[in-house]
Amino acid sequence: MAAEAPPPSTEQVKLPTPEEFTEVQESAEFGELRRSYRSFAFPLTIGFIVWYLLYVLLSNYAGGFMGAKVVGHINVAFVFGVLQFLSTFLIAWWYSRHAAAKLDPKAEAIKTRMEGGA
């Protein structure tokens, strides 16, 4: 048995004109949203790329160091590899918190205004 779904809305949604998009793109509010995103995403991206390249370069050129045992059969390369995964998930979690707190409210305000809700 299929689940009951509400009928599609017959209400027409106002689509912004190209001029309205340009106007919003040039607004201070949109500039602040873009600045807030870039000030978070760019440094974190650069930092992660450097961290990743360090891992790759050490794996290629510092085999003795990366092969050093830390505990039992666990070596430095394994620890760095696990830290790569951990840092990836940490950055994703951190970004989602940043977006929810700083980006989403600004973006929602712009979207609502563009769609004629404000």
N, C-alpha and C. Protein backbone atom coordinates (compact mmCIF):
# COMPACT_ATOMS: atom_id res chain seq x y z
N MET A 1 0.84 -1.17 0.00
CA MET A 1 0.00 0.00 0.00
C MET A 1 0.89 1.24 0.00
N ALA A 2 0.61 2.18 -0.86
CA ALA A 2 1.40 3.40 -0.98
C ALA A 2 1.04 4.37 0.14
N ALA A 3 2.01 5.10 0.58
CA ALA A 3 1.78 6.10 1.61
C ALA A 3 1.02 7.28 1.01
N GLU A 4 0.16 7.85 1.81
CA GLU A 4 -0.60 9.01 1.36
C GLU A 4 0.32 10.23 1.33
N ALA A 5 0.38 10.89 0.22
CA ALA A 5 1.18 12.10 0.08
C ALA A 5 0.24 13.25 -0.22
N PRO A 6 0.57 14.43 0.27
CA PRO A 6 -0.29 15.57 -0.04
C PRO A 6 -0.22 15.89 -1.52
N PRO A 7 -1.29 16.44 -2.07
CA PRO A 7 -1.28 16.78 -3.49
C PRO A 7 -0.26 17.88 -3.76
N PRO A 8 0.29 17.93 -4.95
CA PRO A 8 1.24 18.99 -5.26
C PRO A 8 0.60 20.36 -5.16
N SER A 9 1.39 21.32 -4.75
CA SER A 9 0.89 22.67 -4.59
C SER A 9 0.62 23.29 -5.96
N THR A 10 -0.52 23.97 -6.06
CA THR A 10 -0.86 24.66 -7.30
C THR A 10 -0.47 26.13 -7.19
N GLU A 11 0.09 26.52 -6.04
CA GLU A 11 0.50 27.89 -5.80
C GLU A 11 1.74 28.22 -6.64
N GLN A 12 1.71 29.34 -7.32
CA GLN A 12 2.84 29.76 -8.15
C GLN A 12 3.89 30.43 -7.27
N VAL A 13 5.13 29.99 -7.43
CA VAL A 13 6.24 30.58 -6.70
C VAL A 13 6.85 31.68 -7.55
N LYS A 14 7.08 32.83 -6.94
CA LYS A 14 7.66 33.95 -7.67
C LYS A 14 9.14 33.68 -7.90
N LEU A 15 9.53 33.66 -9.17
CA LEU A 15 10.94 33.47 -9.50
C LEU A 15 11.61 34.83 -9.66
N PRO A 16 12.77 35.02 -9.03
CA PRO A 16 13.47 36.30 -9.15
C PRO A 16 13.96 36.53 -10.58
N THR A 17 14.03 37.77 -10.94
CA THR A 17 14.54 38.14 -12.26
C THR A 17 16.07 38.18 -12.22
N PRO A 18 16.71 38.15 -13.37
CA PRO A 18 18.18 38.28 -13.38
C PRO A 18 18.66 39.57 -12.72
N GLU A 19 17.90 40.64 -12.88
CA GLU A 19 18.27 41.92 -12.26
C GLU A 19 18.23 41.81 -10.74
N GLU A 20 17.22 41.10 -10.22
CA GLU A 20 17.13 40.91 -8.76
C GLU A 20 18.30 40.07 -8.24
N PHE A 21 18.70 39.05 -9.00
CA PHE A 21 19.87 38.26 -8.61
C PHE A 21 21.12 39.13 -8.56
N THR A 22 21.29 39.96 -9.57
CA THR A 22 22.46 40.85 -9.62
C THR A 22 22.44 41.83 -8.45
N GLU A 23 21.26 42.37 -8.16
CA GLU A 23 21.12 43.32 -7.05
C GLU A 23 21.48 42.66 -5.72
N VAL A 24 21.01 41.45 -5.51
CA VAL A 24 21.32 40.74 -4.26
C VAL A 24 22.80 40.40 -4.21
N GLN A 25 23.37 39.97 -5.32
CA GLN A 25 24.78 39.62 -5.36
C GLN A 25 25.67 40.81 -5.01
N GLU A 26 25.24 42.00 -5.35
CA GLU A 26 26.01 43.20 -5.07
C GLU A 26 25.70 43.81 -3.71
N SER A 27 24.75 43.24 -2.97
CA SER A 27 24.35 43.80 -1.69
C SER A 27 25.39 43.53 -0.60
N ALA A 28 25.37 44.36 0.42
CA ALA A 28 26.29 44.20 1.56
C ALA A 28 25.97 42.91 2.32
N GLU A 29 24.71 42.55 2.39
CA GLU A 29 24.30 41.34 3.10
C GLU A 29 24.89 40.09 2.45
N PHE A 30 24.84 40.02 1.12
CA PHE A 30 25.41 38.88 0.41
C PHE A 30 26.94 38.89 0.52
N GLY A 31 27.52 40.08 0.46
CA GLY A 31 28.97 40.21 0.64
C GLY A 31 29.41 39.69 2.00
N GLU A 32 28.64 39.98 3.03
CA GLU A 32 28.96 39.48 4.38
C GLU A 32 28.82 37.97 4.45
N LEU A 33 27.81 37.41 3.80
CA LEU A 33 27.65 35.96 3.75
C LEU A 33 28.84 35.31 3.06
N ARG A 34 29.23 35.87 1.93
CA ARG A 34 30.37 35.33 1.18
C ARG A 34 31.66 35.46 2.00
N ARG A 35 31.86 36.59 2.66
CA ARG A 35 33.05 36.80 3.50
C ARG A 35 33.09 35.82 4.66
N SER A 36 31.94 35.60 5.28
CA SER A 36 31.86 34.67 6.40
C SER A 36 32.20 33.24 5.96
N TYR A 37 31.72 32.86 4.79
CA TYR A 37 32.03 31.53 4.26
C TYR A 37 33.51 31.40 3.93
N ARG A 38 34.03 32.38 3.20
CA ARG A 38 35.42 32.32 2.76
C ARG A 38 36.40 32.38 3.92
N SER A 39 36.11 33.19 4.92
CA SER A 39 37.04 33.32 6.05
C SER A 39 37.12 32.02 6.85
N PHE A 40 36.13 31.18 6.72
CA PHE A 40 36.17 29.87 7.40
C PHE A 40 36.71 28.79 6.47
N ALA A 41 36.17 28.71 5.28
CA ALA A 41 36.47 27.59 4.39
C ALA A 41 37.88 27.65 3.79
N PHE A 42 38.34 28.80 3.37
CA PHE A 42 39.64 28.87 2.70
C PHE A 42 40.80 28.51 3.62
N PRO A 43 40.92 29.10 4.81
CA PRO A 43 42.04 28.70 5.68
C PRO A 43 41.99 27.22 6.07
N LEU A 44 40.80 26.71 6.34
CA LEU A 44 40.68 25.31 6.71
C LEU A 44 41.05 24.39 5.55
N THR A 45 40.66 24.76 4.34
CA THR A 45 41.01 23.97 3.17
C THR A 45 42.52 23.96 2.95
N ILE A 46 43.12 25.12 3.04
CA ILE A 46 44.58 25.21 2.87
C ILE A 46 45.29 24.40 3.95
N GLY A 47 44.83 24.54 5.20
CA GLY A 47 45.43 23.78 6.29
C GLY A 47 45.32 22.28 6.09
N PHE A 48 44.16 21.83 5.63
CA PHE A 48 43.98 20.39 5.43
C PHE A 48 44.84 19.89 4.28
N ILE A 49 44.94 20.66 3.21
CA ILE A 49 45.78 20.24 2.08
C ILE A 49 47.23 20.14 2.50
N VAL A 50 47.71 21.10 3.30
CA VAL A 50 49.09 21.05 3.80
C VAL A 50 49.28 19.82 4.67
N TRP A 51 48.33 19.55 5.56
CA TRP A 51 48.38 18.38 6.43
C TRP A 51 48.41 17.09 5.61
N TYR A 52 47.57 17.01 4.58
CA TYR A 52 47.53 15.83 3.74
C TYR A 52 48.85 15.66 2.96
N LEU A 53 49.35 16.75 2.38
CA LEU A 53 50.61 16.66 1.63
C LEU A 53 51.78 16.29 2.54
N LEU A 54 51.76 16.77 3.78
CA LEU A 54 52.79 16.38 4.74
C LEU A 54 52.76 14.86 4.94
N TYR A 55 51.57 14.32 5.10
CA TYR A 55 51.41 12.88 5.27
C TYR A 55 51.95 12.12 4.05
N VAL A 56 51.61 12.57 2.85
CA VAL A 56 52.07 11.91 1.63
C VAL A 56 53.58 12.02 1.49
N LEU A 57 54.12 13.22 1.71
CA LEU A 57 55.56 13.41 1.58
C LEU A 57 56.34 12.60 2.61
N LEU A 58 55.86 12.58 3.84
CA LEU A 58 56.52 11.76 4.86
C LEU A 58 56.46 10.28 4.49
N SER A 59 55.33 9.85 3.95
CA SER A 59 55.19 8.45 3.56
C SER A 59 56.17 8.09 2.45
N ASN A 60 56.42 9.03 1.54
CA ASN A 60 57.33 8.77 0.41
C ASN A 60 58.80 8.92 0.77
N TYR A 61 59.12 9.93 1.56
CA TYR A 61 60.53 10.27 1.76
C TYR A 61 61.07 10.06 3.17
N ALA A 62 60.22 9.72 4.12
CA ALA A 62 60.69 9.50 5.49
C ALA A 62 60.21 8.13 5.97
N GLY A 63 60.55 7.11 5.21
CA GLY A 63 60.10 5.75 5.53
C GLY A 63 60.55 5.28 6.91
N GLY A 64 61.77 5.65 7.30
CA GLY A 64 62.25 5.26 8.62
C GLY A 64 61.40 5.85 9.74
N PHE A 65 61.09 7.14 9.59
CA PHE A 65 60.25 7.82 10.60
C PHE A 65 58.84 7.24 10.61
N MET A 66 58.24 7.09 9.43
CA MET A 66 56.86 6.60 9.36
C MET A 66 56.76 5.14 9.79
N GLY A 67 57.85 4.40 9.67
CA GLY A 67 57.84 3.00 10.07
C GLY A 67 58.16 2.78 11.53
N ALA A 68 58.47 3.84 12.25
CA ALA A 68 58.81 3.71 13.67
C ALA A 68 57.60 3.21 14.45
N LYS A 69 57.83 2.22 15.29
CA LYS A 69 56.75 1.64 16.11
C LYS A 69 56.36 2.61 17.21
N VAL A 70 55.06 2.73 17.41
CA VAL A 70 54.53 3.56 18.49
C VAL A 70 54.14 2.66 19.65
N VAL A 71 53.27 1.69 19.38
CA VAL A 71 52.83 0.72 20.37
C VAL A 71 52.59 -0.60 19.64
N GLY A 72 53.25 -1.63 20.05
CA GLY A 72 53.05 -2.94 19.43
C GLY A 72 53.35 -2.89 17.94
N HIS A 73 52.36 -3.28 17.12
CA HIS A 73 52.52 -3.27 15.66
C HIS A 73 52.03 -1.96 15.03
N ILE A 74 51.67 -1.01 15.85
CA ILE A 74 51.17 0.27 15.33
C ILE A 74 52.35 1.21 15.14
N ASN A 75 52.50 1.72 13.90
CA ASN A 75 53.60 2.63 13.61
C ASN A 75 53.09 4.05 13.37
N VAL A 76 54.02 4.97 13.17
CA VAL A 76 53.68 6.38 12.97
C VAL A 76 52.79 6.56 11.74
N ALA A 77 53.05 5.84 10.67
CA ALA A 77 52.24 5.96 9.45
C ALA A 77 50.78 5.61 9.72
N PHE A 78 50.55 4.57 10.49
CA PHE A 78 49.19 4.18 10.82
C PHE A 78 48.50 5.27 11.65
N VAL A 79 49.22 5.80 12.62
CA VAL A 79 48.66 6.86 13.46
C VAL A 79 48.32 8.09 12.60
N PHE A 80 49.24 8.49 11.71
CA PHE A 80 48.96 9.63 10.83
C PHE A 80 47.78 9.35 9.91
N GLY A 81 47.67 8.12 9.42
CA GLY A 81 46.55 7.75 8.55
C GLY A 81 45.22 7.86 9.28
N VAL A 82 45.18 7.38 10.50
CA VAL A 82 43.96 7.48 11.31
C VAL A 82 43.65 8.95 11.60
N LEU A 83 44.69 9.74 11.86
CA LEU A 83 44.49 11.17 12.11
C LEU A 83 43.96 11.89 10.87
N GLN A 84 44.29 11.39 9.68
CA GLN A 84 43.73 11.97 8.45
C GLN A 84 42.20 11.81 8.45
N PHE A 85 41.74 10.61 8.77
CA PHE A 85 40.29 10.38 8.83
C PHE A 85 39.66 11.22 9.94
N LEU A 86 40.28 11.22 11.09
CA LEU A 86 39.74 11.97 12.22
C LEU A 86 39.65 13.46 11.88
N SER A 87 40.70 14.01 11.28
CA SER A 87 40.67 15.43 10.95
C SER A 87 39.61 15.73 9.89
N THR A 88 39.39 14.82 8.96
CA THR A 88 38.34 15.01 7.95
C THR A 88 36.97 15.11 8.61
N PHE A 89 36.67 14.19 9.50
CA PHE A 89 35.38 14.22 10.18
C PHE A 89 35.26 15.41 11.12
N LEU A 90 36.35 15.79 11.76
CA LEU A 90 36.34 16.95 12.64
C LEU A 90 36.06 18.23 11.85
N ILE A 91 36.69 18.38 10.70
CA ILE A 91 36.46 19.56 9.86
C ILE A 91 35.01 19.59 9.38
N ALA A 92 34.48 18.44 8.97
CA ALA A 92 33.08 18.39 8.51
C ALA A 92 32.13 18.78 9.64
N TRP A 93 32.38 18.27 10.83
CA TRP A 93 31.54 18.60 12.00
C TRP A 93 31.64 20.09 12.31
N TRP A 94 32.87 20.61 12.32
CA TRP A 94 33.11 22.01 12.62
C TRP A 94 32.43 22.91 11.58
N TYR A 95 32.54 22.54 10.31
CA TYR A 95 31.90 23.33 9.26
C TYR A 95 30.37 23.31 9.41
N SER A 96 29.80 22.16 9.73
CA SER A 96 28.34 22.09 9.87
C SER A 96 27.86 22.98 11.01
N ARG A 97 28.62 23.05 12.09
CA ARG A 97 28.27 23.94 13.20
C ARG A 97 28.40 25.40 12.78
N HIS A 98 29.49 25.70 12.07
CA HIS A 98 29.71 27.08 11.59
C HIS A 98 28.58 27.49 10.64
N ALA A 99 28.26 26.60 9.71
CA ALA A 99 27.21 26.91 8.73
C ALA A 99 25.86 27.12 9.42
N ALA A 100 25.54 26.26 10.36
CA ALA A 100 24.26 26.38 11.05
C ALA A 100 24.16 27.68 11.86
N ALA A 101 25.28 28.09 12.44
CA ALA A 101 25.26 29.27 13.30
C ALA A 101 25.43 30.57 12.51
N LYS A 102 26.29 30.57 11.50
CA LYS A 102 26.63 31.83 10.85
C LYS A 102 26.13 31.96 9.41
N LEU A 103 26.13 30.89 8.65
CA LEU A 103 25.81 30.99 7.23
C LEU A 103 24.33 30.78 6.94
N ASP A 104 23.75 29.74 7.51
CA ASP A 104 22.36 29.40 7.18
C ASP A 104 21.36 30.51 7.50
N PRO A 105 21.45 31.18 8.67
CA PRO A 105 20.48 32.26 8.92
C PRO A 105 20.57 33.39 7.89
N LYS A 106 21.80 33.77 7.51
CA LYS A 106 21.97 34.83 6.51
C LYS A 106 21.45 34.38 5.15
N ALA A 107 21.78 33.15 4.77
CA ALA A 107 21.33 32.63 3.48
C ALA A 107 19.80 32.51 3.45
N GLU A 108 19.22 32.08 4.54
CA GLU A 108 17.76 31.94 4.60
C GLU A 108 17.07 33.30 4.49
N ALA A 109 17.65 34.32 5.11
CA ALA A 109 17.08 35.66 5.01
C ALA A 109 17.12 36.16 3.57
N ILE A 110 18.24 35.93 2.90
CA ILE A 110 18.36 36.35 1.51
C ILE A 110 17.37 35.57 0.64
N LYS A 111 17.28 34.26 0.87
CA LYS A 111 16.37 33.42 0.08
C LYS A 111 14.92 33.86 0.28
N THR A 112 14.55 34.11 1.51
CA THR A 112 13.17 34.52 1.81
C THR A 112 12.85 35.84 1.10
N ARG A 113 13.77 36.78 1.16
CA ARG A 113 13.56 38.06 0.50
C ARG A 113 13.46 37.89 -1.02
N MET A 114 14.31 37.02 -1.58
CA MET A 114 14.30 36.79 -3.03
C MET A 114 12.99 36.14 -3.49
N GLU A 115 12.44 35.29 -2.65
CA GLU A 115 11.21 34.58 -3.03
C GLU A 115 9.97 35.39 -2.72
N GLY A 116 10.16 36.61 -2.19
CA GLY A 116 9.02 37.48 -1.96
C GLY A 116 8.36 37.30 -0.62
N GLY A 117 9.01 36.58 0.30
CA GLY A 117 8.41 36.35 1.62
C GLY A 117 8.63 37.48 2.59
N ALA A 118 9.49 38.45 2.23
CA ALA A 118 9.74 39.56 3.16
C ALA A 118 9.75 40.87 2.42
